[in-house]
Amino acid sequence: MCVVGEDDITSSDKVINEYNLADAANKKQLSDARSDAKGKKVTDIEALKAVCDEQRTKVNLLKKNYHNSENRISANKERQKSILGRKEELERARRENGICQRLYNLVKGTTGNGKITLEQYIQAAGFDGIIAAANRRLLPMSGGQYELYRREDSPGKRSNNFLDLEVLDNYTGHRRPVGNLSGGESFKASLSLALGLSDTVSSNLGGVQMDALFVDEGFGTLDRKSIDSAMEILMTLTGSNKLVGIISHREELMENIPQQIKVRKTKDGSQITIECGL
């Protein structure tokens, strides 16, 4: 039999009391914890960690995109600043381009209806000068009745009508196409145009002269008065050192022109006789 001393008993009682106090405290904490956990579900820590990792990845991606956007915005601002710095140069170039484009369209004649190309415009302008010179011949030749005009009603709609002619009849005050003229009137108009061309070339080409003019027939359609008018104009040309040759069968012309080259048909062929009129 083992005898336990009083000190040992006192020490054992102290340990037991401390255990009982700790046990009571733990039971109290366990009770409080159960009370606090009442109605709550158990949380899966691993699942929450996975969600946190996923959200962290998304946040990092958003931050990266944000920084990329900031860098792009900064670069675009620099480009915008450079572009705005050249705005005046761009506006000047745009104005010059507009002027060049309008000039190009004018030269091509593509600015709309009623337009002709630059080449046609120059031809028409030169033709107007020839017509003006021709009218100085046609008016006296026709007794003041006829004047030539270039048609200008619908230029550019067809490629060839900008040089079409019409004639003004000063007796009626109306214009009509030159194709409606009679044979004699057409001859007068043609002769006037030929003389107008000669005058225009002589005056515009720096002294270049057209010293010879040949009229092939046409006089057969004229009456005596018209022949006299045409001959008067042609004789005026001969007085200005121009050679005028007339090819005709009209007796009136043979009588009034002393210098002649006559061609006669014979059985042996054509024979030429030259009369100098001396």
C-alpha atoms as a PDB file:
ATOM      1  CA  MET A   1       0.000   0.000   0.000  1.00  0.00           C
ATOM      2  CA  CYS A   2       1.290   3.370  -1.149  1.00  0.00           C
ATOM      3  CA  VAL A   3       0.853   6.293   1.086  1.00  0.00           C
ATOM      4  CA  VAL A   4       0.336   9.671  -0.758  1.00  0.00           C
ATOM      5  CA  GLY A   5       1.411  12.730   0.951  1.00  0.00           C
ATOM      6  CA  GLU A   6      -0.689  15.820   1.523  1.00  0.00           C
ATOM      7  CA  ASP A   7       1.352  17.899  -0.894  1.00  0.00           C
ATOM      8  CA  ASP A   8       0.789  15.431  -3.663  1.00  0.00           C
ATOM      9  CA  ILE A   9      -2.912  15.417  -3.002  1.00  0.00           C
ATOM     10  CA  THR A  10      -3.006  19.201  -3.048  1.00  0.00           C
ATOM     11  CA  SER A  11      -1.101  19.260  -6.344  1.00  0.00           C
ATOM     12  CA  SER A  12      -3.398  16.659  -7.866  1.00  0.00           C
ATOM     13  CA  ASP A  13      -6.489  18.586  -6.763  1.00  0.00           C
ATOM     14  CA  LYS A  14      -5.077  21.699  -8.407  1.00  0.00           C
ATOM     15  CA  VAL A  15      -4.529  19.894 -11.715  1.00  0.00           C
ATOM     16  CA  ILE A  16      -8.043  18.439 -11.588  1.00  0.00           C
ATOM     17  CA  ASN A  17      -9.573  21.841 -10.871  1.00  0.00           C
ATOM     18  CA  GLU A  18      -7.652  23.421 -13.762  1.00  0.00           C
ATOM     19  CA  TYR A  19      -8.812  20.620 -16.088  1.00  0.00           C
ATOM     20  CA  ASN A  20     -12.400  21.047 -14.999  1.00  0.00           C
ATOM     21  CA  LEU A  21     -12.182  24.827 -15.584  1.00  0.00           C
ATOM     22  CA  ALA A  22     -10.650  24.308 -19.044  1.00  0.00           C
ATOM     23  CA  ASP A  23     -13.242  21.662 -19.860  1.00  0.00           C
ATOM     24  CA  ALA A  24     -16.045  23.990 -18.803  1.00  0.00           C
ATOM     25  CA  ALA A  25     -14.568  26.816 -20.866  1.00  0.00           C
ATOM     26  CA  ASN A  26     -14.234  24.600 -23.939  1.00  0.00           C
ATOM     27  CA  LYS A  27     -17.797  23.364 -23.549  1.00  0.00           C
ATOM     28  CA  LYS A  28     -18.957  26.949 -23.245  1.00  0.00           C
ATOM     29  CA  GLN A  29     -17.051  27.954 -26.421  1.00  0.00           C
ATOM     30  CA  LEU A  30     -18.357  24.875 -28.244  1.00  0.00           C
ATOM     31  CA  SER A  31     -21.889  25.750 -27.208  1.00  0.00           C
ATOM     32  CA  ASP A  32     -21.430  29.344 -28.327  1.00  0.00           C
ATOM     33  CA  ALA A  33     -19.922  28.189 -31.633  1.00  0.00           C
ATOM     34  CA  ARG A  34     -22.835  25.818 -32.272  1.00  0.00           C
ATOM     35  CA  SER A  35     -25.227  28.609 -31.446  1.00  0.00           C
ATOM     36  CA  ASP A  36     -23.454  30.956 -33.871  1.00  0.00           C
ATOM     37  CA  ALA A  37     -23.310  28.291 -36.607  1.00  0.00           C
ATOM     38  CA  LYS A  38     -26.977  27.471 -36.295  1.00  0.00           C
ATOM     39  CA  GLY A  39     -28.684  27.959 -39.709  1.00  0.00           C
ATOM     40  CA  LYS A  40     -25.383  28.433 -41.556  1.00  0.00           C
ATOM     41  CA  LYS A  41     -23.947  26.223 -44.312  1.00  0.00           C
ATOM     42  CA  VAL A  42     -20.531  24.777 -44.495  1.00  0.00           C
ATOM     43  CA  THR A  43     -18.262  26.695 -46.841  1.00  0.00           C
ATOM     44  CA  ASP A  44     -16.004  24.922 -49.366  1.00  0.00           C
ATOM     45  CA  ILE A  45     -12.673  26.658 -48.854  1.00  0.00           C
ATOM     46  CA  GLU A  46     -11.056  25.098 -51.925  1.00  0.00           C
ATOM     47  CA  ALA A  47     -13.924  26.215 -54.155  1.00  0.00           C
ATOM     48  CA  LEU A  48     -13.675  29.754 -52.783  1.00  0.00           C
ATOM     49  CA  LYS A  49      -9.953  29.733 -53.426  1.00  0.00           C
ATOM     50  CA  ALA A  50     -10.530  28.680 -57.030  1.00  0.00           C
ATOM     51  CA  VAL A  51     -13.052  31.518 -57.487  1.00  0.00           C
ATOM     52  CA  CYS A  52     -10.597  33.985 -55.990  1.00  0.00           C
ATOM     53  CA  ASP A  53      -7.860  32.801 -58.337  1.00  0.00           C
ATOM     54  CA  GLU A  54     -10.175  33.167 -61.322  1.00  0.00           C
ATOM     55  CA  GLN A  55     -11.212  36.677 -60.296  1.00  0.00           C
ATOM     56  CA  ARG A  56      -7.586  37.610 -59.709  1.00  0.00           C
ATOM     57  CA  THR A  57      -6.733  36.487 -63.255  1.00  0.00           C
ATOM     58  CA  LYS A  58      -9.588  38.572 -64.662  1.00  0.00           C
ATOM     59  CA  VAL A  59      -8.469  41.612 -62.682  1.00  0.00           C
ATOM     60  CA  ASN A  60      -4.915  41.248 -63.980  1.00  0.00           C
ATOM     61  CA  LEU A  61      -6.215  40.954 -67.572  1.00  0.00           C
ATOM     62  CA  LEU A  62      -8.367  44.060 -67.105  1.00  0.00           C
ATOM     63  CA  LYS A  63      -5.388  45.954 -65.722  1.00  0.00           C
ATOM     64  CA  LYS A  64      -3.281  44.877 -68.686  1.00  0.00           C
ATOM     65  CA  ASN A  65      -5.978  45.978 -71.169  1.00  0.00           C
ATOM     66  CA  TYR A  66      -6.369  49.240 -69.302  1.00  0.00           C
ATOM     67  CA  HIS A  67      -2.650  49.977 -69.562  1.00  0.00           C
ATOM     68  CA  ASN A  68      -2.674  49.029 -73.264  1.00  0.00           C
ATOM     69  CA  SER A  69      -5.618  51.369 -73.864  1.00  0.00           C
ATOM     70  CA  GLU A  70      -3.846  54.152 -72.016  1.00  0.00           C
ATOM     71  CA  ASN A  71      -0.760  53.666 -74.192  1.00  0.00           C
ATOM     72  CA  ARG A  72      -2.848  53.682 -77.384  1.00  0.00           C
ATOM     73  CA  ILE A  73      -4.709  56.798 -76.283  1.00  0.00           C
ATOM     74  CA  SER A  74      -1.425  58.525 -75.569  1.00  0.00           C
ATOM     75  CA  ALA A  75      -0.012  57.506 -78.975  1.00  0.00           C
ATOM     76  CA  ASN A  76      -3.216  58.604 -80.750  1.00  0.00           C
ATOM     77  CA  LYS A  77      -3.100  61.952 -78.995  1.00  0.00           C
ATOM     78  CA  GLU A  78       0.409  62.452 -80.332  1.00  0.00           C
ATOM     79  CA  ARG A  79      -0.744  61.531 -83.830  1.00  0.00           C
ATOM     80  CA  GLN A  80      -3.739  63.853 -83.508  1.00  0.00           C
ATOM     81  CA  LYS A  81      -1.455  66.666 -82.435  1.00  0.00           C
ATOM     82  CA  SER A  82       0.752  66.028 -85.473  1.00  0.00           C
ATOM     83  CA  ILE A  83      -2.276  65.919 -87.814  1.00  0.00           C
ATOM     84  CA  LEU A  84      -3.753  69.114 -86.404  1.00  0.00           C
ATOM     85  CA  GLY A  85      -0.374  70.743 -86.864  1.00  0.00           C
ATOM     86  CA  ARG A  86      -0.655  70.023 -90.621  1.00  0.00           C
ATOM     87  CA  LYS A  87      -4.319  71.055 -90.911  1.00  0.00           C
ATOM     88  CA  GLU A  88      -3.507  74.331 -92.649  1.00  0.00           C
ATOM     89  CA  GLU A  89      -1.285  72.512 -95.146  1.00  0.00           C
ATOM     90  CA  LEU A  90      -4.078  70.005 -95.790  1.00  0.00           C
ATOM     91  CA  GLU A  91      -6.671  72.743 -96.362  1.00  0.00           C
ATOM     92  CA  ARG A  92      -4.341  74.517 -98.784  1.00  0.00           C
ATOM     93  CA  ALA A  93      -3.743  71.272-100.684  1.00  0.00           C
ATOM     94  CA  ARG A  94      -7.504  70.608-100.764  1.00  0.00           C
ATOM     95  CA  ARG A  95      -8.191  74.060-102.223  1.00  0.00           C
ATOM     96  CA  GLU A  96      -5.483  73.620-104.852  1.00  0.00           C
ATOM     97  CA  ASN A  97      -6.844  70.185-105.716  1.00  0.00           C
ATOM     98  CA  GLY A  98     -10.344  71.629-106.124  1.00  0.00           C
ATOM     99  CA  ILE A  99      -9.048  74.283-108.518  1.00  0.00           C
ATOM    100  CA  CYS A 100      -7.056  71.727-110.516  1.00  0.00           C
ATOM    101  CA  GLN A 101     -10.045  69.375-110.651  1.00  0.00           C
ATOM    102  CA  ARG A 102     -12.331  72.125-111.958  1.00  0.00           C
ATOM    103  CA  LEU A 103      -9.744  73.123-114.571  1.00  0.00           C
ATOM    104  CA  TYR A 104      -9.345  69.486-115.582  1.00  0.00           C
ATOM    105  CA  ASN A 105     -13.118  69.100-115.941  1.00  0.00           C
ATOM    106  CA  LEU A 106     -13.288  72.298-117.996  1.00  0.00           C
ATOM    107  CA  VAL A 107     -10.509  71.090-120.296  1.00  0.00           C
ATOM    108  CA  LYS A 108     -12.246  67.726-120.740  1.00  0.00           C
ATOM    109  CA  GLY A 109     -15.667  69.334-121.081  1.00  0.00           C
ATOM    110  CA  THR A 110     -17.148  67.067-118.410  1.00  0.00           C
ATOM    111  CA  THR A 111     -18.789  69.735-116.229  1.00  0.00           C
ATOM    112  CA  GLY A 112     -22.300  69.033-117.497  1.00  0.00           C
ATOM    113  CA  ASN A 113     -24.561  69.661-120.474  1.00  0.00           C
ATOM    114  CA  GLY A 114     -23.765  72.555-122.736  1.00  0.00           C
ATOM    115  CA  LYS A 115     -19.991  72.185-122.396  1.00  0.00           C
ATOM    116  CA  ILE A 116     -17.330  71.517-124.981  1.00  0.00           C
ATOM    117  CA  THR A 117     -13.718  70.441-124.625  1.00  0.00           C
ATOM    118  CA  LEU A 118     -10.832  72.916-124.675  1.00  0.00           C
ATOM    119  CA  GLU A 119      -9.850  71.701-128.144  1.00  0.00           C
ATOM    120  CA  GLN A 120     -13.396  72.274-129.407  1.00  0.00           C
ATOM    121  CA  TYR A 121     -13.525  75.667-127.711  1.00  0.00           C
ATOM    122  CA  ILE A 122     -10.325  76.773-129.468  1.00  0.00           C
ATOM    123  CA  GLN A 123     -11.629  75.478-132.795  1.00  0.00           C
ATOM    124  CA  ALA A 124     -14.921  77.289-132.279  1.00  0.00           C
ATOM    125  CA  ALA A 125     -13.124  80.536-131.332  1.00  0.00           C
ATOM    126  CA  GLY A 126     -10.948  80.335-134.451  1.00  0.00           C
ATOM    127  CA  PHE A 127     -13.991  79.515-136.565  1.00  0.00           C
ATOM    128  CA  ASP A 128     -15.785  82.588-135.202  1.00  0.00           C
ATOM    129  CA  GLY A 129     -12.910  84.735-136.511  1.00  0.00           C
ATOM    130  CA  ILE A 130     -13.189  83.102-139.932  1.00  0.00           C
ATOM    131  CA  ILE A 131     -16.976  83.673-139.958  1.00  0.00           C
ATOM    132  CA  ALA A 132     -16.528  87.348-139.051  1.00  0.00           C
ATOM    133  CA  ALA A 133     -14.082  87.761-141.938  1.00  0.00           C
ATOM    134  CA  ALA A 134     -16.407  85.806-144.240  1.00  0.00           C
ATOM    135  CA  ASN A 135     -19.361  88.070-143.406  1.00  0.00           C
ATOM    136  CA  ARG A 136     -17.361  91.098-144.535  1.00  0.00           C
ATOM    137  CA  ARG A 137     -17.383  89.455-147.968  1.00  0.00           C
ATOM    138  CA  LEU A 138     -20.842  87.849-147.897  1.00  0.00           C
ATOM    139  CA  LEU A 139     -22.825  90.959-146.946  1.00  0.00           C
ATOM    140  CA  PRO A 140     -21.870  93.000-150.036  1.00  0.00           C
ATOM    141  CA  MET A 141     -21.923  89.888-152.235  1.00  0.00           C
ATOM    142  CA  SER A 142     -25.529  89.135-151.169  1.00  0.00           C
ATOM    143  CA  GLY A 143     -26.690  92.744-151.232  1.00  0.00           C
ATOM    144  CA  GLY A 144     -26.790  92.870-147.425  1.00  0.00           C
ATOM    145  CA  GLN A 145     -29.187  89.938-147.168  1.00  0.00           C
ATOM    146  CA  TYR A 146     -27.136  87.162-145.587  1.00  0.00           C
ATOM    147  CA  GLU A 147     -24.812  86.754-142.594  1.00  0.00           C
ATOM    148  CA  LEU A 148     -23.229  83.552-141.346  1.00  0.00           C
ATOM    149  CA  TYR A 149     -23.360  82.439-137.708  1.00  0.00           C
ATOM    150  CA  ARG A 150     -22.062  79.459-135.776  1.00  0.00           C
ATOM    151  CA  ARG A 151     -24.787  77.483-134.030  1.00  0.00           C
ATOM    152  CA  GLU A 152     -24.652  77.867-130.240  1.00  0.00           C
ATOM    153  CA  ASP A 153     -28.040  76.522-129.127  1.00  0.00           C
ATOM    154  CA  SER A 154     -26.903  73.164-127.686  1.00  0.00           C
ATOM    155  CA  PRO A 155     -23.107  72.936-127.842  1.00  0.00           C
ATOM    156  CA  GLY A 156     -21.454  69.816-126.562  1.00  0.00           C
ATOM    157  CA  LYS A 157     -24.429  67.443-126.863  1.00  0.00           C
ATOM    158  CA  ARG A 158     -22.982  66.074-130.074  1.00  0.00           C
ATOM    159  CA  SER A 159     -19.319  65.818-130.899  1.00  0.00           C
ATOM    160  CA  ASN A 160     -19.542  67.682-134.223  1.00  0.00           C
ATOM    161  CA  ASN A 161     -22.242  70.341-133.948  1.00  0.00           C
ATOM    162  CA  PHE A 162     -20.100  73.067-132.380  1.00  0.00           C
ATOM    163  CA  LEU A 163     -18.897  74.011-135.898  1.00  0.00           C
ATOM    164  CA  ASP A 164     -22.345  73.868-137.534  1.00  0.00           C
ATOM    165  CA  LEU A 165     -23.300  76.948-139.529  1.00  0.00           C
ATOM    166  CA  GLU A 166     -26.560  78.771-139.988  1.00  0.00           C
ATOM    167  CA  VAL A 167     -27.407  81.845-141.990  1.00  0.00           C
ATOM    168  CA  LEU A 168     -29.324  84.948-140.937  1.00  0.00           C
ATOM    169  CA  ASP A 169     -31.645  86.329-143.588  1.00  0.00           C
ATOM    170  CA  ASN A 170     -31.712  90.065-142.872  1.00  0.00           C
ATOM    171  CA  TYR A 171     -34.800  90.410-145.079  1.00  0.00           C
ATOM    172  CA  THR A 172     -36.888  88.121-142.847  1.00  0.00           C
ATOM    173  CA  GLY A 173     -34.935  88.372-139.573  1.00  0.00           C
ATOM    174  CA  HIS A 174     -34.826  84.576-139.200  1.00  0.00           C
ATOM    175  CA  ARG A 175     -31.973  82.129-139.069  1.00  0.00           C
ATOM    176  CA  ARG A 176     -31.881  78.829-140.921  1.00  0.00           C
ATOM    177  CA  PRO A 177     -29.342  76.076-141.642  1.00  0.00           C
ATOM    178  CA  VAL A 178     -26.949  76.792-144.492  1.00  0.00           C
ATOM    179  CA  GLY A 179     -28.175  73.573-146.101  1.00  0.00           C
ATOM    180  CA  ASN A 180     -31.414  75.394-146.952  1.00  0.00           C
ATOM    181  CA  LEU A 181     -29.617  77.915-149.152  1.00  0.00           C
ATOM    182  CA  SER A 182     -30.079  77.716-152.891  1.00  0.00           C
ATOM    183  CA  GLY A 183     -27.223  76.757-155.182  1.00  0.00           C
ATOM    184  CA  GLY A 184     -26.232  80.344-155.872  1.00  0.00           C
ATOM    185  CA  GLU A 185     -26.544  81.351-152.246  1.00  0.00           C
ATOM    186  CA  SER A 186     -24.451  78.354-151.163  1.00  0.00           C
ATOM    187  CA  PHE A 187     -21.740  79.355-153.630  1.00  0.00           C
ATOM    188  CA  LYS A 188     -21.639  82.857-152.223  1.00  0.00           C
ATOM    189  CA  ALA A 189     -21.400  81.504-148.676  1.00  0.00           C
ATOM    190  CA  SER A 190     -18.637  79.042-149.652  1.00  0.00           C
ATOM    191  CA  LEU A 191     -16.672  81.716-151.493  1.00  0.00           C
ATOM    192  CA  SER A 192     -17.027  84.066-148.542  1.00  0.00           C
ATOM    193  CA  LEU A 193     -15.759  81.395-146.144  1.00  0.00           C
ATOM    194  CA  ALA A 194     -12.764  80.676-148.387  1.00  0.00           C
ATOM    195  CA  LEU A 195     -11.908  84.362-148.522  1.00  0.00           C
ATOM    196  CA  GLY A 196     -12.483  84.710-144.765  1.00  0.00           C
ATOM    197  CA  LEU A 197     -10.111  81.797-144.130  1.00  0.00           C
ATOM    198  CA  SER A 198      -7.491  83.461-146.306  1.00  0.00           C
ATOM    199  CA  ASP A 199      -7.870  86.766-144.456  1.00  0.00           C
ATOM    200  CA  THR A 200      -7.713  85.068-141.040  1.00  0.00           C
ATOM    201  CA  VAL A 201      -4.633  83.003-141.855  1.00  0.00           C
ATOM    202  CA  SER A 202      -2.846  86.050-143.224  1.00  0.00           C
ATOM    203  CA  SER A 203      -3.600  88.140-140.129  1.00  0.00           C
ATOM    204  CA  ASN A 204      -2.993  85.464-137.458  1.00  0.00           C
ATOM    205  CA  LEU A 205       0.099  83.596-138.619  1.00  0.00           C
ATOM    206  CA  GLY A 206       2.728  86.310-138.432  1.00  0.00           C
ATOM    207  CA  GLY A 207       2.774  87.461-142.023  1.00  0.00           C
ATOM    208  CA  VAL A 208       2.068  84.098-143.680  1.00  0.00           C
ATOM    209  CA  GLN A 209       0.198  84.904-146.882  1.00  0.00           C
ATOM    210  CA  MET A 210      -2.212  82.837-148.934  1.00  0.00           C
ATOM    211  CA  ASP A 211      -1.367  84.274-152.325  1.00  0.00           C
ATOM    212  CA  ALA A 212      -3.447  81.995-154.535  1.00  0.00           C
ATOM    213  CA  LEU A 213      -7.147  81.113-154.608  1.00  0.00           C
ATOM    214  CA  PHE A 214      -8.878  78.815-157.078  1.00  0.00           C
ATOM    215  CA  VAL A 215     -12.641  78.782-157.473  1.00  0.00           C
ATOM    216  CA  ASP A 216     -13.894  75.571-159.099  1.00  0.00           C
ATOM    217  CA  GLU A 217     -17.248  76.102-160.853  1.00  0.00           C
ATOM    218  CA  GLY A 218     -20.145  77.387-158.741  1.00  0.00           C
ATOM    219  CA  PHE A 219     -20.678  80.423-160.927  1.00  0.00           C
ATOM    220  CA  GLY A 220     -23.186  78.463-163.005  1.00  0.00           C
ATOM    221  CA  THR A 221     -25.709  78.813-160.168  1.00  0.00           C
ATOM    222  CA  LEU A 222     -25.441  82.620-160.001  1.00  0.00           C
ATOM    223  CA  ASP A 223     -27.491  85.230-161.760  1.00  0.00           C
ATOM    224  CA  ARG A 224     -25.861  88.146-163.565  1.00  0.00           C
ATOM    225  CA  LYS A 225     -26.020  90.488-160.586  1.00  0.00           C
ATOM    226  CA  SER A 226     -24.496  87.917-158.232  1.00  0.00           C
ATOM    227  CA  ILE A 227     -21.734  87.183-160.721  1.00  0.00           C
ATOM    228  CA  ASP A 228     -20.911  90.881-160.904  1.00  0.00           C
ATOM    229  CA  SER A 229     -20.772  91.120-157.100  1.00  0.00           C
ATOM    230  CA  ALA A 230     -18.542  88.055-156.807  1.00  0.00           C
ATOM    231  CA  MET A 231     -16.276  89.257-159.597  1.00  0.00           C
ATOM    232  CA  GLU A 232     -15.952  92.665-157.967  1.00  0.00           C
ATOM    233  CA  ILE A 233     -14.707  91.046-154.756  1.00  0.00           C
ATOM    234  CA  LEU A 234     -12.352  88.709-156.630  1.00  0.00           C
ATOM    235  CA  MET A 235     -10.967  91.598-158.667  1.00  0.00           C
ATOM    236  CA  THR A 236     -10.310  93.424-155.400  1.00  0.00           C
ATOM    237  CA  LEU A 237      -8.203  90.443-154.340  1.00  0.00           C
ATOM    238  CA  THR A 238      -6.186  90.538-157.550  1.00  0.00           C
ATOM    239  CA  GLY A 239      -5.418  94.167-156.791  1.00  0.00           C
ATOM    240  CA  SER A 240      -3.829  93.115-153.492  1.00  0.00           C
ATOM    241  CA  ASN A 241      -1.233  90.881-155.185  1.00  0.00           C
ATOM    242  CA  LYS A 242      -3.301  87.694-154.914  1.00  0.00           C
ATOM    243  CA  LEU A 243      -3.678  85.211-157.730  1.00  0.00           C
ATOM    244  CA  VAL A 244      -7.294  84.181-158.293  1.00  0.00           C
ATOM    245  CA  GLY A 245      -8.033  81.292-160.616  1.00  0.00           C
ATOM    246  CA  ILE A 246     -11.620  80.619-161.770  1.00  0.00           C
ATOM    247  CA  ILE A 247     -12.700  77.351-163.323  1.00  0.00           C
ATOM    248  CA  SER A 248     -15.986  77.923-165.159  1.00  0.00           C
ATOM    249  CA  HIS A 249     -17.887  77.614-168.434  1.00  0.00           C
ATOM    250  CA  ARG A 250     -19.851  80.860-168.050  1.00  0.00           C
ATOM    251  CA  GLU A 251     -19.494  83.166-171.058  1.00  0.00           C
ATOM    252  CA  GLU A 252     -19.840  86.242-168.852  1.00  0.00           C
ATOM    253  CA  LEU A 253     -16.675  85.288-167.023  1.00  0.00           C
ATOM    254  CA  MET A 254     -14.783  84.573-170.237  1.00  0.00           C
ATOM    255  CA  GLU A 255     -15.676  88.044-171.470  1.00  0.00           C
ATOM    256  CA  ASN A 256     -14.534  89.809-168.295  1.00  0.00           C
ATOM    257  CA  ILE A 257     -11.311  87.901-167.546  1.00  0.00           C
ATOM    258  CA  PRO A 258      -8.503  88.700-170.024  1.00  0.00           C
ATOM    259  CA  GLN A 259      -6.002  86.095-168.802  1.00  0.00           C
ATOM    260  CA  GLN A 260      -7.353  82.653-169.615  1.00  0.00           C
ATOM    261  CA  ILE A 261      -6.267  79.049-169.959  1.00  0.00           C
ATOM    262  CA  LYS A 262      -8.730  77.396-172.308  1.00  0.00           C
ATOM    263  CA  VAL A 263      -9.098  73.648-172.575  1.00  0.00           C
ATOM    264  CA  ARG A 264     -10.794  72.254-175.688  1.00  0.00           C
ATOM    265  CA  LYS A 265     -11.670  68.678-176.487  1.00  0.00           C
ATOM    266  CA  THR A 266     -10.521  67.345-179.853  1.00  0.00           C
ATOM    267  CA  LYS A 267     -10.345  63.966-181.513  1.00  0.00           C
ATOM    268  CA  ASP A 268      -6.663  63.845-180.665  1.00  0.00           C
ATOM    269  CA  GLY A 269      -7.217  64.739-177.027  1.00  0.00           C
ATOM    270  CA  SER A 270      -7.512  67.967-175.046  1.00  0.00           C
ATOM    271  CA  GLN A 271      -5.744  71.061-176.250  1.00  0.00           C
ATOM    272  CA  ILE A 272      -4.688  73.995-174.079  1.00  0.00           C
ATOM    273  CA  THR A 273      -4.640  77.569-175.232  1.00  0.00           C
ATOM    274  CA  ILE A 274      -3.164  80.322-173.062  1.00  0.00           C
ATOM    275  CA  GLU A 275      -4.363  83.897-173.542  1.00  0.00           C
ATOM    276  CA  CYS A 276      -2.409  86.534-171.647  1.00  0.00           C
ATOM    277  CA  GLY A 277      -4.772  89.356-172.508  1.00  0.00           C
ATOM    278  CA  LEU A 278      -1.972  91.622-173.646  1.00  0.00           C
END
